[in-house]
Amino acid sequence: MKKLSVLFAALAVLLWGAMCAVVAWNYSTMLHGIEHHGYSAPASVAFVYAIPFAVAIAVCVVLSMVFHKKCK
């Protein structure tokens, strides 16, 4: 159970980094599109991509905590 706890904690950290990269990329792409291609949506729409990542991170953290408690 200890290994699963560490695995899910590491996965949560990796997902956090991926979330930051995806949101930053989409935000900059939206800004470019607004300035040069006439996109009508605001750049803040890029933050919608964080929702599935946040859910997955929360699930990983909860699972990590559950497995950590079971190994004690």
C-alpha atoms as a PDB file:
ATOM      1  CA  MET A   1       0.000   0.000   0.000  1.00  0.00           C
ATOM      2  CA  LYS A   2       2.941   2.330   0.639  1.00  0.00           C
ATOM      3  CA  LYS A   3       4.003   2.058  -3.007  1.00  0.00           C
ATOM      4  CA  LEU A   4       0.497   2.911  -4.205  1.00  0.00           C
ATOM      5  CA  SER A   5       0.408   5.915  -1.903  1.00  0.00           C
ATOM      6  CA  VAL A   6       3.683   7.215  -3.310  1.00  0.00           C
ATOM      7  CA  LEU A   7       2.593   6.422  -6.872  1.00  0.00           C
ATOM      8  CA  PHE A   8      -0.617   8.437  -6.606  1.00  0.00           C
ATOM      9  CA  ALA A   9       1.175  11.320  -4.879  1.00  0.00           C
ATOM     10  CA  ALA A  10       3.743  11.412  -7.685  1.00  0.00           C
ATOM     11  CA  LEU A  11       0.980  11.219 -10.268  1.00  0.00           C
ATOM     12  CA  ALA A  12      -0.757  14.203  -8.661  1.00  0.00           C
ATOM     13  CA  VAL A  13       2.454  16.235  -8.887  1.00  0.00           C
ATOM     14  CA  LEU A  14       2.968  15.247 -12.533  1.00  0.00           C
ATOM     15  CA  LEU A  15      -0.618  16.139 -13.369  1.00  0.00           C
ATOM     16  CA  TRP A  16      -0.154  19.522 -11.700  1.00  0.00           C
ATOM     17  CA  GLY A  17       2.829  20.260 -13.936  1.00  0.00           C
ATOM     18  CA  ALA A  18       0.989  19.085 -17.036  1.00  0.00           C
ATOM     19  CA  MET A  19      -2.008  21.233 -16.095  1.00  0.00           C
ATOM     20  CA  CYS A  20       0.187  24.321 -15.797  1.00  0.00           C
ATOM     21  CA  ALA A  21       1.790  23.636 -19.176  1.00  0.00           C
ATOM     22  CA  VAL A  22      -1.521  22.994 -20.966  1.00  0.00           C
ATOM     23  CA  VAL A  23      -3.250  26.055 -19.525  1.00  0.00           C
ATOM     24  CA  ALA A  24      -0.255  28.315 -20.242  1.00  0.00           C
ATOM     25  CA  TRP A  25      -0.015  27.039 -23.818  1.00  0.00           C
ATOM     26  CA  ASN A  26      -3.720  27.497 -24.493  1.00  0.00           C
ATOM     27  CA  TYR A  27      -3.748  30.935 -22.839  1.00  0.00           C
ATOM     28  CA  SER A  28      -0.897  32.150 -25.027  1.00  0.00           C
ATOM     29  CA  THR A  29      -2.521  30.619 -28.100  1.00  0.00           C
ATOM     30  CA  MET A  30      -5.772  32.397 -27.286  1.00  0.00           C
ATOM     31  CA  LEU A  31      -3.948  35.720 -26.825  1.00  0.00           C
ATOM     32  CA  HIS A  32      -2.251  35.252 -30.189  1.00  0.00           C
ATOM     33  CA  GLY A  33      -5.552  34.367 -31.815  1.00  0.00           C
ATOM     34  CA  ILE A  34      -7.282  37.403 -30.326  1.00  0.00           C
ATOM     35  CA  GLU A  35      -4.552  39.764 -31.504  1.00  0.00           C
ATOM     36  CA  HIS A  36      -3.948  38.323 -34.977  1.00  0.00           C
ATOM     37  CA  HIS A  37      -6.878  36.154 -36.050  1.00  0.00           C
ATOM     38  CA  GLY A  38      -9.900  37.893 -34.540  1.00  0.00           C
ATOM     39  CA  TYR A  39     -10.963  35.292 -31.966  1.00  0.00           C
ATOM     40  CA  SER A  40     -14.003  36.532 -30.083  1.00  0.00           C
ATOM     41  CA  ALA A  41     -13.616  34.434 -26.906  1.00  0.00           C
ATOM     42  CA  PRO A  42     -11.587  35.923 -24.067  1.00  0.00           C
ATOM     43  CA  ALA A  43      -8.203  34.397 -23.272  1.00  0.00           C
ATOM     44  CA  SER A  44      -9.468  33.341 -19.858  1.00  0.00           C
ATOM     45  CA  VAL A  45     -11.368  30.533 -21.593  1.00  0.00           C
ATOM     46  CA  ALA A  46      -8.061  28.653 -21.506  1.00  0.00           C
ATOM     47  CA  PHE A  47      -8.557  28.136 -17.761  1.00  0.00           C
ATOM     48  CA  VAL A  48     -11.439  25.765 -18.536  1.00  0.00           C
ATOM     49  CA  TYR A  49      -8.763  23.215 -19.456  1.00  0.00           C
ATOM     50  CA  ALA A  50      -7.729  23.163 -15.787  1.00  0.00           C
ATOM     51  CA  ILE A  51     -11.036  21.613 -14.646  1.00  0.00           C
ATOM     52  CA  PRO A  52     -10.388  17.987 -15.708  1.00  0.00           C
ATOM     53  CA  PHE A  53      -6.834  18.213 -14.407  1.00  0.00           C
ATOM     54  CA  ALA A  54      -8.052  19.557 -11.056  1.00  0.00           C
ATOM     55  CA  VAL A  55     -10.524  16.688 -10.722  1.00  0.00           C
ATOM     56  CA  ALA A  56      -7.843  14.111 -11.548  1.00  0.00           C
ATOM     57  CA  ILE A  57      -5.406  15.728  -9.101  1.00  0.00           C
ATOM     58  CA  ALA A  58      -8.029  15.673  -6.355  1.00  0.00           C
ATOM     59  CA  VAL A  59      -8.759  11.987  -7.016  1.00  0.00           C
ATOM     60  CA  CYS A  60      -5.040  11.148  -6.915  1.00  0.00           C
ATOM     61  CA  VAL A  61      -4.564  13.031  -3.642  1.00  0.00           C
ATOM     62  CA  VAL A  62      -7.546  11.302  -2.037  1.00  0.00           C
ATOM     63  CA  LEU A  63      -6.362   7.876  -3.190  1.00  0.00           C
ATOM     64  CA  SER A  64      -2.867   8.609  -1.942  1.00  0.00           C
ATOM     65  CA  MET A  65      -4.227   9.573   1.468  1.00  0.00           C
ATOM     66  CA  VAL A  66      -6.435   6.467   1.639  1.00  0.00           C
ATOM     67  CA  PHE A  67      -3.559   4.145   0.746  1.00  0.00           C
ATOM     68  CA  HIS A  68      -1.291   5.939   3.216  1.00  0.00           C
ATOM     69  CA  LYS A  69      -3.797   5.433   6.027  1.00  0.00           C
ATOM     70  CA  LYS A  70      -4.225   1.746   5.138  1.00  0.00           C
ATOM     71  CA  CYS A  71      -0.495   1.086   5.334  1.00  0.00           C
ATOM     72  CA  LYS A  72      -0.304   2.292   8.957  1.00  0.00           C
END
